[in-house]
């Protein structure tokens, strides 16, 4: 007996072009700079059926856009115990 996959909440799937309209970034910027650095596979996008096409998960992207990054996560540690910011 097959069991249906239960989806927790509805999700909006967007192509790269559709996402670019929503977040006001060029499609190429999304593919070259945001994907796999800010937008992570499995969290912000999927590749359905193991193919090449990328579908972005709008609700996850929208939620994470409002999360403020902790500045110390991107600090470079120095030998004296300090940190370089920037």
Protein backbone atom coordinates (compact mmCIF):
# COMPACT_ATOMS: atom_id res chain seq x y z
CA UNK A 1 0.00 0.00 0.00
CA UNK A 2 1.44 3.37 -1.01
CA UNK A 3 1.52 6.13 1.53
CA UNK A 4 1.08 9.71 0.34
CA UNK A 5 3.72 12.28 1.20
CA UNK A 6 2.27 14.78 3.63
CA UNK A 7 3.15 18.41 3.00
CA UNK A 8 3.30 20.47 6.20
CA UNK A 9 2.24 23.75 4.63
CA UNK A 10 1.59 24.96 1.10
CA UNK A 11 4.66 26.12 -0.75
CA UNK A 12 5.05 28.43 -3.71
CA UNK A 13 7.54 27.18 -6.31
CA UNK A 14 9.22 29.85 -8.45
CA UNK A 15 11.55 29.71 -11.42
CA UNK A 16 14.69 31.86 -11.41
CA UNK A 17 12.96 34.50 -13.54
CA UNK A 18 9.90 34.61 -11.27
CA UNK A 19 12.12 34.92 -8.19
CA UNK A 20 14.09 37.74 -9.81
CA UNK A 21 10.88 39.74 -10.24
CA UNK A 22 9.92 39.24 -6.58
CA UNK A 23 13.27 40.12 -4.98
CA UNK A 24 14.43 42.67 -7.59
CA UNK A 25 17.67 40.86 -8.44
CA UNK A 26 18.75 39.94 -11.94
CA UNK A 27 18.29 36.24 -12.83
CA UNK A 28 21.99 35.92 -13.53
CA UNK A 29 22.87 37.34 -10.09
CA UNK A 30 20.61 34.76 -8.46
CA UNK A 31 22.25 31.91 -10.38
CA UNK A 32 25.86 33.11 -10.10
CA UNK A 33 26.08 34.85 -6.72
CA UNK A 34 23.16 33.91 -4.45
CA UNK A 35 22.60 30.25 -5.29
CA UNK A 36 24.69 27.92 -3.09
CA UNK A 37 26.02 30.81 -0.97
CA UNK A 38 22.88 32.46 0.40
CA UNK A 39 20.20 30.30 -1.21
CA UNK A 40 20.83 26.70 -0.18
CA UNK A 41 19.64 23.52 -1.88
CA UNK A 42 17.00 21.74 0.15
CA UNK A 43 16.15 24.85 2.14
CA UNK A 44 15.64 27.57 -0.49
CA UNK A 45 15.49 25.57 -3.71
CA UNK A 46 15.03 22.07 -5.04
CA UNK A 47 15.79 20.21 -8.25
CA UNK A 48 12.63 18.18 -8.89
CA UNK A 49 13.07 14.61 -10.08
CA UNK A 50 16.87 14.98 -9.98
CA UNK A 51 16.83 17.17 -13.08
CA UNK A 52 18.59 20.40 -13.97
CA UNK A 53 15.60 22.69 -13.45
CA UNK A 54 15.73 24.71 -10.24
CA UNK A 55 12.56 25.63 -8.35
CA UNK A 56 12.83 28.14 -5.53
CA UNK A 57 10.74 27.81 -2.37
CA UNK A 58 9.33 31.30 -1.88
CA UNK A 59 8.13 31.00 1.73
CA UNK A 60 11.56 29.86 2.94
CA UNK A 61 13.36 32.60 1.02
CA UNK A 62 10.97 35.29 2.24
CA UNK A 63 11.32 34.14 5.87
CA UNK A 64 15.13 34.06 5.71
CA UNK A 65 15.40 37.48 4.03
CA UNK A 66 14.21 39.05 7.29
CA UNK A 67 16.63 37.15 9.53
CA UNK A 68 19.40 39.45 10.65
CA UNK A 69 22.86 37.91 10.45
CA UNK A 70 24.99 37.91 13.55
CA UNK A 71 28.03 40.07 12.75
CA UNK A 72 30.42 37.80 14.68
CA UNK A 73 29.67 34.92 12.28
CA UNK A 74 31.59 36.73 9.55
CA UNK A 75 34.45 38.04 11.67
CA UNK A 76 37.99 36.87 10.97
CA UNK A 77 39.65 35.69 14.20
CA UNK A 78 43.02 37.25 15.04
CA UNK A 79 45.92 35.69 16.96
CA UNK A 80 45.53 38.05 19.94
CA UNK A 81 41.93 36.95 20.49
CA UNK A 82 40.34 39.88 18.67
CA UNK A 83 38.44 39.80 15.42
CA UNK A 84 38.58 41.65 12.13
CA UNK A 85 35.15 42.87 11.01
CA UNK A 86 34.94 43.77 7.35
